[in-house]
Amino acid sequence: MTRVEHDLLGNRDVPDHAYYGIHTLRALENFPITGVALSSHADLVTALVTIKEAAALANSELGLIGDREADAIVRACREIRGGALREHFVVDVVQGGAGTSTNMNANEVIANRALELLGHERGRYEHLHPLEHVNRSQSTNDVYPTAIKTGLHQGLSRLTDAMSALAEAFSDKSAEFADILKVGRTQLQDAVPMTLGQEVATYAVMLLEDVERLKEAAALITEINLGGTAIGTGVNAHPRYADRVREHLAAILGIEVCTATDLIEATQDVGAFVQLSGVLKRAAVKLSKICNDLRLLSSGPRAGFGELNLPPVQAGSSIMPGKVNPVIPEVVNQIAFRVIGNDLVVTMAAEGGQLQLNAFEPIIAHSLFETVELLTRGCTVLRERCVVGITANVDRLAESVTNSIGIATALNPHIGYTAASRLAADALAQGRTVSDLALEQGLISAEHLASILSPHNLVRAGAPASASEMAGGHL
């Protein structure tokens, strides 16, 4: 069964069951690009219908549409915000037209549901129209970027929560591993001792730094251009519309949004998206570095570092019995690669804007929403399926400290750089420990050596007492 709808290009048969209309139908035909429907970005759909609800309330207050029509639009929007009719948001996320197809998809679904609420059949637009009523006082060019910003704001809240929870899991592991000595490394070579707790604590700090950076970036996307309509001049909008719609939008969202002081600039400038994308990339790079470390530290179990044990979550090979791979850090690495690629897409799309509008906001939106969702899921999976179950291979760690050439660095202030270098070279050549050779060669007393190599002195700032202060000590 179909119904006939009309646009400037002519008539088309629209499936009767569909809440979308002719504009969406044409977009389905024109943009079979990614196979990813608008409904896959739930935050964007929610943001779109929230804007339509705020617009209907503002238009009604200003006498631009009737109260009965406004009430039906508001009721339809609230149903969709609650999860209804999401399957009818069908246009491809990547499209030409600067997001017009997305805006029209929302207008048509809302209008047809509102028609039903008024007791009419879908497609009877003489009673309530997608453009005359749902889209009143609006343009895609102010609705779409505002929807991207407010939708991303909601997603960023979940992402920062996930990152904070992951940081907390690392902090818990840091406390658990606080007294376990290990060898620190620079350039994959032995450096100086530290605790495993110190090593893991840095991951929490790295993540929390970027939680703060993301909150700063989120503040930049609370500036909106609603009321600017086509290019920011406000054509076809009531003089008080921008203030009214902003007030309603803020009330519905529960966040403070502000109208840009220069709506023409705000309509064409996507700098806030570039800024946000860069911070998301920063977080992804750090997250990937952490996962690189986890894979290195857990490598083995016999022929690698073997210092950490990651929880086994699945068999690792179809041919090698008993092999278990670090699949959770590996998948997070791949998320980071995707995020880094998305950042380049956002950069190029932002640069490609021309004159009063950036036509490439659909790919910016898709890239940013995908990035936020991937990072949120990645942080959650890394915490739940990996970090909380990490254990330390204590014997392996202790052995590495005992045999480390890096111990010579701790002796440097007490026996001198030249003697310490010679000691390190001799230990490496002879397969001996630095401690044994230092005592054997009479470079330091046993009591003084024990003080220098105590866990407290090895891993914290400040040197132990000098040789002359050690009773019975000698150089």
Protein backbone atom coordinates (compact mmCIF):
# COMPACT_ATOMS: atom_id res chain seq x y z
CA MET A 1 0.00 0.00 0.00
CA THR A 2 1.21 3.48 -0.83
CA ARG A 3 0.16 7.09 -0.53
CA VAL A 4 0.93 9.84 -3.04
CA GLU A 5 3.06 12.79 -1.90
CA HIS A 6 4.20 15.81 -3.87
CA ASP A 7 7.30 18.00 -3.94
CA LEU A 8 8.76 20.46 -6.44
CA LEU A 9 10.00 17.57 -8.61
CA GLY A 10 6.60 15.92 -8.86
CA ASN A 11 4.60 13.08 -7.30
CA ARG A 12 5.92 9.90 -5.71
CA ASP A 13 4.37 6.86 -4.11
CA VAL A 14 5.47 6.61 -0.47
CA PRO A 15 4.96 3.35 1.46
CA ASP A 16 1.81 3.81 3.48
CA HIS A 17 3.37 2.35 6.62
CA ALA A 18 6.21 4.89 6.55
CA TYR A 19 6.22 7.90 8.84
CA TYR A 20 8.78 9.55 6.58
CA GLY A 21 7.68 11.22 3.35
CA ILE A 22 8.71 12.14 -0.18
CA HIS A 23 11.82 14.13 0.72
CA THR A 24 13.19 11.22 2.74
CA LEU A 25 12.26 8.79 -0.03
CA ARG A 26 14.32 10.75 -2.54
CA ALA A 27 17.24 10.89 -0.12
CA LEU A 28 17.11 7.10 0.27
CA GLU A 29 17.46 6.80 -3.50
CA ASN A 30 20.13 9.46 -3.83
CA PHE A 31 22.44 8.48 -0.98
CA PRO A 32 22.96 4.71 -0.70
CA ILE A 33 26.45 5.50 0.63
CA THR A 34 27.46 3.96 3.96
CA GLY A 35 24.48 1.77 4.74
CA VAL A 36 24.43 3.47 8.15
CA ALA A 37 21.04 5.02 8.87
CA LEU A 38 20.45 8.20 10.81
CA SER A 39 18.83 6.09 13.53
CA SER A 40 22.27 4.65 14.37
CA HIS A 41 23.20 7.99 15.93
CA ALA A 42 20.58 8.01 18.68
CA ASP A 43 21.91 11.20 20.25
CA LEU A 44 21.56 13.07 16.95
CA VAL A 45 17.96 11.90 16.46
CA THR A 46 17.11 12.89 20.02
CA ALA A 47 18.73 16.28 19.53
CA LEU A 48 16.81 16.90 16.29
CA VAL A 49 13.41 16.19 17.77
CA THR A 50 14.28 18.16 20.91
CA ILE A 51 14.96 21.20 18.71
CA LYS A 52 11.66 20.65 16.89
CA GLU A 53 9.84 20.49 20.22
CA ALA A 54 11.49 23.71 21.41
CA ALA A 55 10.67 25.37 18.07
CA ALA A 56 7.02 24.36 18.28
CA LEU A 57 6.73 25.84 21.78
CA ALA A 58 8.42 29.08 20.69
CA ASN A 59 6.32 29.36 17.52
CA SER A 60 3.14 28.79 19.48
CA GLU A 61 4.03 31.48 22.03
CA LEU A 62 4.75 33.92 19.22
CA GLY A 63 1.46 33.11 17.48
CA LEU A 64 3.19 31.65 14.41
CA ILE A 65 1.42 28.28 14.56
CA GLY A 66 -1.77 27.22 16.27
CA ASP A 67 -1.75 25.80 19.78
CA ARG A 68 -3.43 22.60 18.59
CA GLU A 69 -0.75 21.95 15.97
CA ALA A 70 2.02 22.90 18.37
CA ASP A 71 0.68 20.52 21.01
CA ALA A 72 0.58 17.64 18.51
CA ILE A 73 4.16 18.35 17.39
CA VAL A 74 5.36 18.49 21.01
CA ARG A 75 3.62 15.21 21.85
CA ALA A 76 5.13 13.53 18.78
CA CYS A 77 8.60 14.81 19.66
CA ARG A 78 8.32 13.55 23.22
CA GLU A 79 7.31 10.11 22.00
CA ILE A 80 10.33 9.99 19.71
CA ARG A 81 12.63 11.25 22.45
CA GLY A 82 11.30 8.36 24.49
CA GLY A 83 12.42 5.90 21.81
CA ALA A 84 9.42 5.61 19.50
CA LEU A 85 9.61 5.55 15.69
CA ARG A 86 13.43 5.48 15.55
CA GLU A 87 13.31 2.96 12.73
CA HIS A 88 11.81 5.64 10.48
CA PHE A 89 14.92 7.82 10.66
CA VAL A 90 16.33 6.12 7.61
CA VAL A 91 18.44 8.53 5.56
CA ASP A 92 22.12 7.69 5.18
CA VAL A 93 24.32 9.55 7.63
CA VAL A 94 26.55 10.69 4.75
CA GLN A 95 24.63 12.80 2.26
CA GLY A 96 24.83 15.84 0.04
CA GLY A 97 22.84 18.93 0.86
CA ALA A 98 24.49 20.02 4.12
CA GLY A 99 22.11 17.88 6.19
CA THR A 100 18.85 18.87 4.51
CA SER A 101 17.80 15.24 4.09
CA THR A 102 18.35 14.63 7.79
CA ASN A 103 16.29 17.67 8.72
CA MET A 104 13.51 16.67 6.34
CA ASN A 105 13.49 13.10 7.66
CA ALA A 106 12.87 14.51 11.14
CA ASN A 107 10.24 16.98 9.90
CA GLU A 108 8.29 14.28 8.08
CA VAL A 109 8.34 11.69 10.86
CA ILE A 110 7.23 14.26 13.41
CA ALA A 111 4.53 15.65 11.12
CA ASN A 112 3.04 12.27 10.30
CA ARG A 113 2.94 11.19 13.93
CA ALA A 114 1.42 14.55 14.87
CA LEU A 115 -1.22 14.05 12.17
CA GLU A 116 -2.17 10.73 13.75
CA LEU A 117 -2.43 12.40 17.15
CA LEU A 118 -4.80 14.92 15.59
CA GLY A 119 -6.92 12.10 14.14
CA HIS A 120 -5.72 12.33 10.51
CA GLU A 121 -4.01 9.88 8.20
CA ARG A 122 -0.32 10.07 7.44
CA GLY A 123 0.43 12.29 4.47
CA ARG A 124 -2.58 14.62 4.96
CA TYR A 125 -0.30 17.63 5.19
CA GLU A 126 -3.09 20.15 4.63
CA HIS A 127 -3.82 19.68 8.35
CA LEU A 128 -0.22 19.81 9.61
CA HIS A 129 2.76 20.24 7.31
CA PRO A 130 6.40 19.15 7.74
CA LEU A 131 7.65 22.52 6.53
CA GLU A 132 4.86 24.98 7.35
CA HIS A 133 4.48 23.76 10.93
CA VAL A 134 7.29 21.44 12.11
CA ASN A 135 10.04 23.43 10.36
CA ARG A 136 8.54 26.88 11.01
CA SER A 137 11.15 29.61 11.72
CA GLN A 138 13.94 27.15 10.95
CA SER A 139 16.45 26.15 8.31
CA THR A 140 18.56 23.04 8.08
CA ASN A 141 21.47 25.43 8.43
CA ASP A 142 20.64 26.34 12.00
CA VAL A 143 18.82 23.17 13.07
CA TYR A 144 21.45 20.67 11.93
CA PRO A 145 24.57 22.20 13.52
CA THR A 146 22.63 22.84 16.72
CA ALA A 147 21.51 19.21 16.76
CA ILE A 148 25.09 18.04 16.23
CA LYS A 149 26.31 20.17 19.12
CA THR A 150 23.59 19.28 21.61
CA GLY A 151 23.67 15.62 20.62
CA LEU A 152 27.42 15.47 21.06
CA HIS A 153 27.09 17.16 24.44
CA GLN A 154 24.99 14.24 25.65
CA GLY A 155 27.43 11.71 24.21
CA LEU A 156 30.43 13.45 25.75
CA SER A 157 28.83 13.19 29.18
CA ARG A 158 28.74 9.39 28.84
CA LEU A 159 32.28 9.33 27.45
CA THR A 160 33.77 11.31 30.32
CA ASP A 161 31.92 9.04 32.76
CA ALA A 162 33.42 5.98 31.04
CA MET A 163 36.91 7.51 31.04
CA SER A 164 36.61 8.45 34.71
CA ALA A 165 35.52 4.92 35.59
CA LEU A 166 38.48 3.50 33.67
CA ALA A 167 40.82 5.89 35.47
CA GLU A 168 39.37 4.76 38.78
CA ALA A 169 40.05 1.13 37.85
CA PHE A 170 43.68 2.00 37.13
CA SER A 171 43.87 3.89 40.45
CA ASP A 172 42.59 0.82 42.27
CA LYS A 173 45.26 -1.30 40.57
CA SER A 174 47.87 1.29 41.48
CA ALA A 175 47.00 0.92 45.15
CA GLU A 176 47.03 -2.87 44.83
CA PHE A 177 50.50 -2.80 43.23
CA ALA A 178 51.93 -0.01 45.40
CA ASP A 179 54.69 -2.08 47.00
CA ILE A 180 55.75 -4.19 44.02
CA LEU A 181 59.17 -3.18 42.66
CA LYS A 182 59.95 -3.42 38.98
CA VAL A 183 62.35 -2.03 36.40
CA GLY A 184 61.32 1.12 34.58
CA ARG A 185 62.27 1.36 30.93
CA THR A 186 63.09 4.07 28.43
CA GLN A 187 63.39 3.29 24.72
CA LEU A 188 62.61 -0.35 25.66
CA GLN A 189 65.91 -0.53 27.59
CA ASP A 190 66.33 -0.99 31.33
CA ALA A 191 66.28 2.36 33.13
CA VAL A 192 65.80 2.64 36.89
CA PRO A 193 63.53 0.89 39.38
CA MET A 194 60.02 2.02 40.15
CA THR A 195 56.92 0.40 41.59
CA LEU A 196 54.29 -1.24 39.49
CA GLY A 197 51.83 0.98 41.31
CA GLN A 198 53.64 4.08 40.06
CA GLU A 199 53.56 2.76 36.51
CA VAL A 200 49.84 2.03 36.57
CA ALA A 201 48.98 5.29 38.37
CA THR A 202 50.19 7.27 35.37
CA TYR A 203 47.42 5.76 33.26
CA ALA A 204 44.78 7.15 35.60
CA VAL A 205 46.40 10.59 35.49
CA MET A 206 46.61 10.54 31.69
CA LEU A 207 42.93 9.71 31.36
CA LEU A 208 41.74 12.24 33.91
CA GLU A 209 43.71 14.98 32.18
CA ASP A 210 41.72 14.33 29.04
CA VAL A 211 38.44 14.17 30.93
CA GLU A 212 39.08 17.80 31.84
CA ARG A 213 40.08 18.69 28.28
CA LEU A 214 36.86 17.11 26.98
CA LYS A 215 34.79 19.09 29.45
CA GLU A 216 36.43 22.26 28.16
CA ALA A 217 35.68 21.26 24.56
CA ALA A 218 32.09 20.43 25.50
CA ALA A 219 31.65 23.97 26.80
CA LEU A 220 32.49 25.30 23.33
CA ILE A 221 29.63 23.42 21.71
CA THR A 222 26.96 24.98 23.89
CA GLU A 223 26.96 28.03 21.57
CA ILE A 224 24.19 27.60 19.00
CA ASN A 225 22.93 29.42 15.91
CA LEU A 226 19.19 28.68 16.18
CA GLY A 227 17.29 31.65 14.82
CA GLY A 228 19.90 32.39 12.18
CA THR A 229 17.95 30.30 9.64
CA ALA A 230 19.54 30.08 6.17
CA ILE A 231 22.82 32.00 6.48
CA GLY A 232 22.59 33.68 9.86
CA THR A 233 20.56 36.76 8.92
CA GLY A 234 17.44 35.35 10.56
CA VAL A 235 15.30 35.59 7.44
CA ASN A 236 11.73 34.26 8.00
CA ALA A 237 12.23 34.11 11.79
CA HIS A 238 10.35 36.27 14.30
CA PRO A 239 12.62 38.84 16.01
CA ARG A 240 12.04 37.18 19.39
CA TYR A 241 12.21 33.61 18.10
CA ALA A 242 15.94 33.02 18.77
CA ASP A 243 15.61 33.89 22.46
CA ARG A 244 12.41 31.91 22.93
CA VAL A 245 13.64 28.75 21.21
CA ARG A 246 16.92 28.89 23.14
CA GLU A 247 15.07 29.13 26.44
CA HIS A 248 12.89 26.14 25.64
CA LEU A 249 15.80 24.10 24.32
CA ALA A 250 17.85 24.74 27.45
CA ALA A 251 14.93 23.78 29.65
CA ILE A 252 14.33 20.50 27.82
CA LEU A 253 18.02 19.55 27.66
CA GLY A 254 18.87 20.62 31.18
CA ILE A 255 22.02 22.36 29.98
CA GLU A 256 22.78 26.02 29.42
CA VAL A 257 23.00 26.89 25.75
CA CYS A 258 23.72 30.35 24.42
CA THR A 259 22.92 32.04 21.13
CA ALA A 260 26.00 33.11 19.18
CA THR A 261 26.58 36.85 19.09
CA ASP A 262 27.24 36.72 15.34
CA LEU A 263 24.85 34.24 13.74
CA ILE A 264 26.33 34.66 10.26
CA GLU A 265 29.74 33.63 11.58
CA ALA A 266 28.27 30.83 13.65
CA THR A 267 26.41 29.38 10.66
CA GLN A 268 29.56 28.91 8.61
CA ASP A 269 32.21 28.31 11.30
CA VAL A 270 32.77 24.69 12.37
CA GLY A 271 35.85 25.44 14.45
CA ALA A 272 34.27 24.03 17.61
CA PHE A 273 33.97 20.65 15.88
CA VAL A 274 37.63 20.77 14.86
CA GLN A 275 38.60 21.60 18.43
CA LEU A 276 36.50 18.78 19.85
CA SER A 277 37.80 16.29 17.30
CA GLY A 278 41.37 17.19 18.21
CA VAL A 279 40.73 16.57 21.91
CA LEU A 280 39.03 13.26 21.13
CA LYS A 281 42.06 12.29 19.05
CA ARG A 282 44.33 13.24 21.94
CA ALA A 283 42.36 10.97 24.26
CA ALA A 284 42.47 8.14 21.71
CA VAL A 285 46.23 8.46 21.27
CA LYS A 286 46.78 8.25 25.01
CA LEU A 287 44.38 5.34 25.35
CA SER A 288 46.20 3.50 22.57
CA LYS A 289 49.58 4.12 24.24
CA ILE A 290 48.21 2.63 27.45
CA CYS A 291 47.06 -0.44 25.53
CA ASN A 292 50.46 -0.73 23.85
CA ASP A 293 52.00 -0.84 27.32
CA LEU A 294 49.55 -3.46 28.53
CA ARG A 295 50.35 -5.65 25.53
CA LEU A 296 54.10 -5.28 26.07
CA LEU A 297 54.01 -5.83 29.82
CA SER A 298 51.85 -8.93 29.44
CA SER A 299 53.81 -10.36 26.49
CA GLY A 300 54.96 -13.94 26.79
CA PRO A 301 53.95 -15.64 28.93
CA ARG A 302 57.49 -17.12 28.96
CA ALA A 303 59.37 -15.46 26.11
CA GLY A 304 58.19 -11.86 26.65
CA PHE A 305 58.12 -9.33 29.47
CA GLY A 306 55.61 -11.39 31.40
CA GLU A 307 55.23 -8.80 34.15
CA LEU A 308 51.46 -8.48 34.01
CA ASN A 309 48.79 -11.12 33.54
CA LEU A 310 45.78 -9.91 31.60
CA PRO A 311 42.57 -11.84 32.22
CA PRO A 312 42.10 -14.49 29.51
CA VAL A 313 38.83 -13.83 27.70
CA GLN A 314 39.00 -16.16 24.69
CA ALA A 315 41.18 -18.73 22.99
CA GLY A 316 43.84 -17.05 20.88
CA SER A 317 44.55 -19.39 18.01
CA SER A 318 42.96 -21.94 15.75
CA ILE A 319 46.28 -23.78 15.39
CA MET A 320 48.36 -23.07 18.52
CA PRO A 321 46.88 -24.84 21.56
CA GLY A 322 46.87 -22.84 24.78
CA LYS A 323 47.62 -19.49 23.16
CA VAL A 324 45.78 -16.52 24.64
CA ASN A 325 46.03 -13.07 23.06
CA PRO A 326 45.57 -9.55 24.52
CA VAL A 327 42.42 -9.06 22.46
CA ILE A 328 40.87 -6.31 24.59
CA PRO A 329 43.84 -3.91 24.32
CA GLU A 330 44.05 -4.83 20.64
CA VAL A 331 40.48 -3.80 19.93
CA VAL A 332 40.98 -0.52 21.78
CA ASN A 333 44.08 0.14 19.67
CA GLN A 334 41.91 -0.28 16.58
CA ILE A 335 39.34 2.12 17.99
CA ALA A 336 42.11 4.67 18.37
CA PHE A 337 43.18 4.20 14.76
CA ARG A 338 39.61 4.88 13.64
CA VAL A 339 39.35 7.96 15.83
CA ILE A 340 42.59 9.34 14.42
CA GLY A 341 41.24 8.80 10.91
CA ASN A 342 37.96 10.47 11.82
CA ASP A 343 39.88 13.50 13.05
CA LEU A 344 41.49 13.86 9.63
CA VAL A 345 38.04 13.62 8.01
CA VAL A 346 36.72 16.38 10.28
CA THR A 347 39.76 18.52 9.51
CA MET A 348 39.37 18.20 5.75
CA ALA A 349 35.59 18.71 5.87
CA ALA A 350 36.01 21.84 7.96
CA GLU A 351 38.63 23.20 5.58
CA GLY A 352 36.34 22.50 2.62
CA GLY A 353 33.64 24.91 3.72
CA GLN A 354 32.79 27.77 1.39
CA LEU A 355 31.28 31.19 1.96
CA GLN A 356 28.24 31.23 4.27
CA LEU A 357 27.84 27.47 4.86
CA ASN A 358 29.84 24.31 5.27
CA ALA A 359 28.17 21.68 3.08
CA PHE A 360 30.14 18.85 4.67
CA GLU A 361 28.62 18.83 8.14
CA PRO A 362 27.07 15.37 7.57
CA ILE A 363 30.50 13.70 7.45
CA ILE A 364 31.65 15.85 10.38
CA ALA A 365 28.62 14.70 12.35
CA HIS A 366 29.04 11.05 11.43
CA SER A 367 32.73 11.11 12.30
CA LEU A 368 32.26 12.80 15.67
CA PHE A 369 29.28 10.73 16.80
CA GLU A 370 31.09 7.54 15.78
CA THR A 371 34.23 8.65 17.60
CA VAL A 372 32.40 9.44 20.83
CA GLU A 373 30.52 6.14 20.76
CA LEU A 374 33.60 4.07 19.94
CA LEU A 375 35.67 5.66 22.69
CA THR A 376 32.87 5.22 25.22
CA ARG A 377 32.50 1.55 24.39
CA GLY A 378 36.26 1.06 24.27
CA CYS A 379 36.81 2.55 27.72
CA THR A 380 34.00 0.45 29.15
CA VAL A 381 35.23 -2.80 27.61
CA LEU A 382 38.84 -2.12 28.62
CA ARG A 383 37.80 -1.56 32.21
CA GLU A 384 35.32 -4.41 32.54
CA ARG A 385 37.09 -7.06 30.46
CA CYS A 386 40.72 -6.26 31.17
CA VAL A 387 41.88 -3.76 33.77
CA VAL A 388 39.87 -4.95 36.77
CA GLY A 389 41.27 -8.46 36.27
CA ILE A 390 44.97 -7.62 35.83
CA THR A 391 47.37 -9.39 38.18
CA ALA A 392 51.10 -8.98 38.70
CA ASN A 393 53.76 -11.64 38.10
CA VAL A 394 55.57 -10.75 41.32
CA ASP A 395 58.43 -13.25 41.01
CA ARG A 396 59.24 -12.12 37.50
CA LEU A 397 59.22 -8.48 38.56
CA ALA A 398 61.49 -9.11 41.55
CA GLU A 399 63.94 -11.06 39.42
CA SER A 400 64.13 -8.23 36.86
CA VAL A 401 64.97 -5.70 39.59
CA THR A 402 67.68 -7.92 41.07
CA ASN A 403 69.32 -8.51 37.72
CA SER A 404 68.84 -5.03 36.29
CA ILE A 405 71.87 -3.08 35.09
CA GLY A 406 69.83 0.00 35.92
CA ILE A 407 70.78 -0.46 39.59
CA ALA A 408 74.07 1.18 38.66
CA THR A 409 72.20 4.46 38.22
CA ALA A 410 71.21 4.41 41.87
CA LEU A 411 74.89 4.01 42.82
CA ASN A 412 76.00 6.88 40.60
CA PRO A 413 75.79 9.64 43.29
CA HIS A 414 77.79 7.47 45.70
CA ILE A 415 80.59 5.94 43.62
CA GLY A 416 80.67 8.36 40.68
CA TYR A 417 79.49 8.11 37.09
CA THR A 418 82.71 6.55 35.76
CA ALA A 419 82.83 3.80 38.36
CA ALA A 420 79.10 3.14 37.97
CA SER A 421 79.44 2.87 34.18
CA ARG A 422 82.31 0.41 34.52
CA LEU A 423 80.35 -1.57 37.06
CA ALA A 424 77.33 -1.78 34.72
CA ALA A 425 79.50 -2.93 31.81
CA ASP A 426 81.22 -5.58 33.93
CA ALA A 427 77.90 -6.87 35.26
CA LEU A 428 76.51 -7.18 31.75
CA ALA A 429 79.64 -8.87 30.39
CA GLN A 430 79.97 -11.34 33.25
CA GLY A 431 76.31 -12.12 33.76
CA ARG A 432 76.55 -10.93 37.35
CA THR A 433 74.42 -8.51 39.35
CA VAL A 434 75.53 -4.95 39.90
CA SER A 435 75.10 -5.36 43.66
CA ASP A 436 77.35 -8.39 43.89
CA LEU A 437 80.12 -6.78 41.86
CA ALA A 438 79.90 -3.51 43.83
CA LEU A 439 80.46 -5.39 47.08
CA GLU A 440 83.09 -7.69 45.61
CA GLN A 441 85.08 -4.75 44.25
CA GLY A 442 84.81 -2.89 47.54
CA LEU A 443 83.08 0.08 46.00
CA ILE A 444 80.53 0.37 48.77
CA SER A 445 79.64 -1.20 52.10
CA ALA A 446 76.89 -3.73 52.47
CA GLU A 447 74.99 -1.45 54.87
CA HIS A 448 75.22 1.53 52.58
CA LEU A 449 74.22 -0.57 49.56
CA ALA A 450 71.19 -1.90 51.42
CA SER A 451 70.13 1.66 52.20
CA ILE A 452 70.54 2.79 48.61
CA LEU A 453 68.64 -0.19 47.25
CA SER A 454 65.79 -0.06 49.74
CA PRO A 455 62.44 0.24 47.96
CA HIS A 456 61.81 3.62 49.58
CA ASN A 457 65.05 5.13 48.25
CA LEU A 458 64.90 3.48 44.84
CA VAL A 459 61.54 4.84 43.78
CA ARG A 460 61.25 8.20 45.51
CA ALA A 461 62.93 11.55 45.23
CA GLY A 462 65.85 12.20 47.58
CA ALA A 463 69.03 10.26 48.07
CA PRO A 464 69.94 8.05 51.03
CA ALA A 465 72.69 9.13 53.41
CA SER A 466 76.10 9.63 51.87
CA ALA A 467 78.90 7.17 52.50
CA SER A 468 80.64 9.43 54.97
CA GLU A 469 77.47 9.54 57.05
CA MET A 470 77.16 5.77 57.17
CA ALA A 471 78.76 4.26 60.25
CA GLY A 472 81.58 2.05 59.10
CA GLY A 473 80.90 2.91 55.49
CA HIS A 474 83.63 3.35 52.93
CA LEU A 475 84.10 4.04 49.27
